[in-house]
Each structure stands twice: as C-alpha cells, then as structure tokens.
C-alpha cells in the first residue's frame, strides 16, 4: 500500500498528516470535508500541502465552561488514589524525553489500567525535573504487584532519558477533587 502513495514534493498523505498532528486519519478526512484542510487527489490518495499541515491549529473541542467545577469528595466505595513521582531528566536530554513521550503516546502503551488521569509535567520551579501523576480509582485499580509491574515497564521505557536514581515517590488518598 505504501508503494501506491505518490511522492509529491511539499505534500503529505492523510496518514502522514494524522501522525504529524497526533490525531486520527478519519479526523484528517473530516477536516478536509469541512474545508479546514485543503487536499488534492493523486492516484486515488488525498495529499495535503505540508505547509497547511504545519500551520494547522485545532479548535477547542466542546463548548466553553460557564461555571468552574465544584470540589467533590468521593464516596468511601469509590476512593481515588494518587501516585506522584518527581524525577530528574538526564543532562541535556530534554528533547529526547519529548521524543520518548511522543512514542509512548503514539504506541498506546503505558496506559496504567485503572487510572482516571495521567500527567507528565515539566517543573517550572526545579530545573530538569519531571513530575508524573497517576490518579487511580479504587473500584478499578489493579493490585499493588500489577501497578508496580506497570510502573517498572514505564521506568524502563524512559530509562535512557530520566535518572530514576533521583526519583521521589509519593502515594496517597485523594481527599477532594473536581
């Protein structure tokens, strides 16, 4: 199938555009139908000008919130738990870290079953620090051994860019949330 895609300088296929934008090929085709992305047909393949893909900006999904969400306290049967990890990026490997994060996102791996939220954040306060936050819901949270296996696989995936010897772990119960 890849042999059928024409090589047009300055153009990319819908599949490549989807990969570049981190969205589905179906969504790309929808944007073409909506005239938000221009495309030309070449050998039965839709090709999109590379510059249009590079300059494309997605609109905010959904309607804007009118009210700020109120604080909530989970019931005893549905407690939430948090695992937070603070770890240093190995010297001068911030760009490589972003490549690893992109690869994790695109591969669909390291989803930590039972989580309701997952965050990887760059600290603006401590240079070179990454904060990882996993929020688990007790009703679907795997046992400790399974969680540790998932964390170990995640650590291995980022071992080349994060200095796990510096990692500080914190595990706790969520008292209130939105």
Protein backbone atom coordinates (compact mmCIF):
# COMPACT_ATOMS: atom_id res chain seq x y z
CA UNK A 1 0.00 0.00 0.00
CA UNK A 2 2.87 2.41 0.79
CA UNK A 3 4.10 1.93 -2.80
CA UNK A 4 0.81 3.38 -4.08
CA UNK A 5 1.28 6.71 -2.29
CA UNK A 6 2.69 9.22 -4.78
CA UNK A 7 5.78 11.21 -3.91
CA UNK A 8 4.70 14.82 -4.36
CA UNK A 9 7.23 17.32 -3.02
CA UNK A 10 5.59 19.62 -0.49
CA UNK A 11 2.63 17.28 0.10
CA UNK A 12 1.88 14.57 2.65
CA UNK A 13 -0.71 11.81 2.74
CA UNK A 14 -3.67 11.89 5.14
CA UNK A 15 -1.93 9.16 7.15
CA UNK A 16 1.26 11.22 7.49
CA UNK A 17 -0.75 14.38 8.33
CA UNK A 18 -2.58 12.44 11.05
CA UNK A 19 0.73 11.25 12.51
CA UNK A 20 2.17 14.79 12.43
CA UNK A 21 -0.87 16.28 14.18
CA UNK A 22 -1.38 13.41 16.62
CA UNK A 23 -4.95 12.76 15.52
CA UNK A 24 -6.73 10.04 13.57
CA UNK A 25 -6.72 9.76 9.80
CA UNK A 26 -10.51 9.83 9.96
CA UNK A 27 -10.33 13.23 11.69
CA UNK A 28 -7.99 14.49 8.94
CA UNK A 29 -10.52 13.41 6.30
CA UNK A 30 -13.25 15.21 8.23
CA UNK A 31 -11.16 18.41 8.27
CA UNK A 32 -10.74 18.05 4.50
CA UNK A 33 -14.52 17.64 4.06
CA UNK A 34 -15.07 20.70 6.29
CA UNK A 35 -12.59 22.65 4.09
CA UNK A 36 -10.34 23.28 7.11
CA UNK A 37 -7.51 21.46 5.30
CA UNK A 38 -7.00 21.66 1.53
CA UNK A 39 -6.23 18.45 -0.34
CA UNK A 40 -5.63 17.20 -3.86
CA UNK A 41 -6.24 13.71 -5.15
CA UNK A 42 -3.25 11.89 -6.65
CA UNK A 43 -3.53 8.24 -7.69
CA UNK A 44 -6.65 7.81 -5.52
CA UNK A 45 -4.81 9.19 -2.49
CA UNK A 46 -5.61 12.51 -0.81
CA UNK A 47 -2.49 14.64 -0.48
CA UNK A 48 -2.31 17.72 1.75
CA UNK A 49 0.14 20.60 1.35
CA UNK A 50 2.83 20.17 4.01
CA UNK A 51 2.73 23.88 4.93
CA UNK A 52 -1.00 23.63 5.67
CA UNK A 53 -0.38 20.68 7.98
CA UNK A 54 2.47 22.51 9.76
CA UNK A 55 0.37 25.65 10.28
CA UNK A 56 -2.88 23.85 11.16
CA UNK A 57 -4.37 24.63 14.56
CA UNK A 58 -7.21 22.67 16.05
CA UNK A 59 -10.15 24.49 17.57
CA UNK A 60 -11.12 23.89 21.17
CA UNK A 61 -13.42 20.90 21.43
CA UNK A 62 -16.81 21.25 23.03
CA UNK A 63 -18.38 24.32 24.47
CA UNK A 64 -16.56 26.57 26.91
CA UNK A 65 -17.39 26.00 30.56
CA UNK A 66 -19.72 28.56 32.05
CA UNK A 67 -19.04 27.51 35.63
CA UNK A 68 -15.93 26.36 37.38
CA UNK A 69 -16.30 22.80 38.63
CA UNK A 70 -17.06 22.48 42.33
CA UNK A 71 -14.95 20.46 44.74
CA UNK A 72 -16.14 16.89 45.28
CA UNK A 73 -15.45 14.24 47.88
CA UNK A 74 -15.54 10.66 46.62
CA UNK A 75 -17.68 8.12 48.39
CA UNK A 76 -15.94 5.52 50.55
CA UNK A 77 -16.76 2.91 47.87
CA UNK A 78 -15.09 4.93 45.13
CA UNK A 79 -12.00 6.46 46.69
CA UNK A 80 -9.31 7.84 44.41
CA UNK A 81 -5.59 7.33 44.99
CA UNK A 82 -2.61 9.24 43.67
CA UNK A 83 0.87 8.12 42.77
CA UNK A 84 3.24 11.02 42.16
CA UNK A 85 6.84 10.72 41.05
CA UNK A 86 9.37 13.54 40.79
CA UNK A 87 12.44 12.63 38.75
CA UNK A 88 15.32 14.45 37.07
CA UNK A 89 15.87 14.44 33.31
CA UNK A 90 19.37 13.24 32.44
CA UNK A 91 21.68 16.09 31.46
CA UNK A 92 20.82 17.68 28.09
CA UNK A 93 18.21 15.05 27.18
CA UNK A 94 15.02 17.16 27.34
CA UNK A 95 14.48 16.92 23.58
CA UNK A 96 14.96 13.15 23.66
CA UNK A 97 12.47 12.97 26.54
CA UNK A 98 9.86 14.65 24.33
CA UNK A 99 10.53 12.07 21.60
CA UNK A 100 10.06 9.26 24.15
CA UNK A 101 6.81 10.80 25.39
CA UNK A 102 5.56 11.13 21.81
CA UNK A 103 6.47 7.49 21.16
CA UNK A 104 4.60 6.38 24.30
CA UNK A 105 1.56 8.41 23.21
CA UNK A 106 1.59 7.04 19.66
CA UNK A 107 2.22 3.43 20.73
CA UNK A 108 -0.74 3.32 23.11
CA UNK A 109 1.48 1.71 25.75
CA UNK A 110 1.84 2.54 29.45
CA UNK A 111 -1.84 3.40 29.96
CA UNK A 112 -1.85 2.20 33.57
CA UNK A 113 -5.22 0.40 33.64
CA UNK A 114 -7.46 1.71 36.40
CA UNK A 115 -6.22 5.28 36.13
CA UNK A 116 -8.69 8.10 35.60
CA UNK A 117 -5.94 10.64 34.91
CA UNK A 118 -2.26 10.55 33.93
CA UNK A 119 0.03 13.58 33.78
CA UNK A 120 3.67 14.14 32.89
CA UNK A 121 4.68 17.72 33.66
CA UNK A 122 7.90 19.71 33.35
CA UNK A 123 8.60 21.63 36.53
CA UNK A 124 8.96 25.38 36.09
CA UNK A 125 10.33 25.62 39.64
CA UNK A 126 13.04 22.94 39.67
CA UNK A 127 15.25 22.85 36.59
CA UNK A 128 15.26 19.49 34.82
CA UNK A 129 12.57 17.95 36.98
CA UNK A 130 9.65 15.97 35.61
CA UNK A 131 6.57 15.28 37.72
CA UNK A 132 4.46 12.24 36.90
CA UNK A 133 0.99 11.99 38.45
CA UNK A 134 -1.27 8.95 38.20
CA UNK A 135 -4.79 9.05 39.64
CA UNK A 136 -6.35 5.66 40.33
CA UNK A 137 -10.00 4.89 41.11
CA UNK A 138 -10.30 2.22 43.80
CA UNK A 139 -13.12 0.37 42.07
CA UNK A 140 -10.91 -0.49 39.07
CA UNK A 141 -7.41 -0.08 40.48
CA UNK A 142 -5.20 -3.16 39.95
CA UNK A 143 -3.41 -4.72 42.90
CA UNK A 144 -0.05 -3.39 44.07
CA UNK A 145 2.00 -6.01 42.19
CA UNK A 146 0.29 -5.17 38.88
CA UNK A 147 0.73 -1.43 39.47
CA UNK A 148 4.43 -1.98 40.23
CA UNK A 149 4.86 -4.05 37.04
CA UNK A 150 3.26 -1.25 35.00
CA UNK A 151 5.48 1.35 36.68
CA UNK A 152 8.60 -0.75 36.07
CA UNK A 153 7.76 -1.07 32.35
CA UNK A 154 7.25 2.71 32.25
CA UNK A 155 10.58 3.31 34.02
CA UNK A 156 12.31 1.03 31.50
CA UNK A 157 10.74 2.92 28.58
CA UNK A 158 12.19 6.19 29.92
CA UNK A 159 15.44 4.82 31.40
CA UNK A 160 17.62 6.44 28.75
CA UNK A 161 16.33 9.96 29.48
CA UNK A 162 15.26 10.01 33.15
CA UNK A 163 17.58 9.47 36.12
CA UNK A 164 15.43 7.09 38.15
CA UNK A 165 18.03 7.13 40.98
CA UNK A 166 16.78 10.66 41.76
CA UNK A 167 13.10 9.66 41.81
CA UNK A 168 10.96 10.59 44.81
CA UNK A 169 7.66 8.73 45.14
CA UNK A 170 4.53 9.78 46.98
CA UNK A 171 1.41 7.66 47.28
CA UNK A 172 -1.77 8.94 48.90
CA UNK A 173 -5.54 9.10 49.05
CA UNK A 174 -7.39 11.91 47.29
CA UNK A 175 -9.31 13.94 49.86
CA UNK A 176 -11.17 16.15 47.38
CA UNK A 177 -11.16 16.70 43.62
CA UNK A 178 -13.08 18.35 40.79
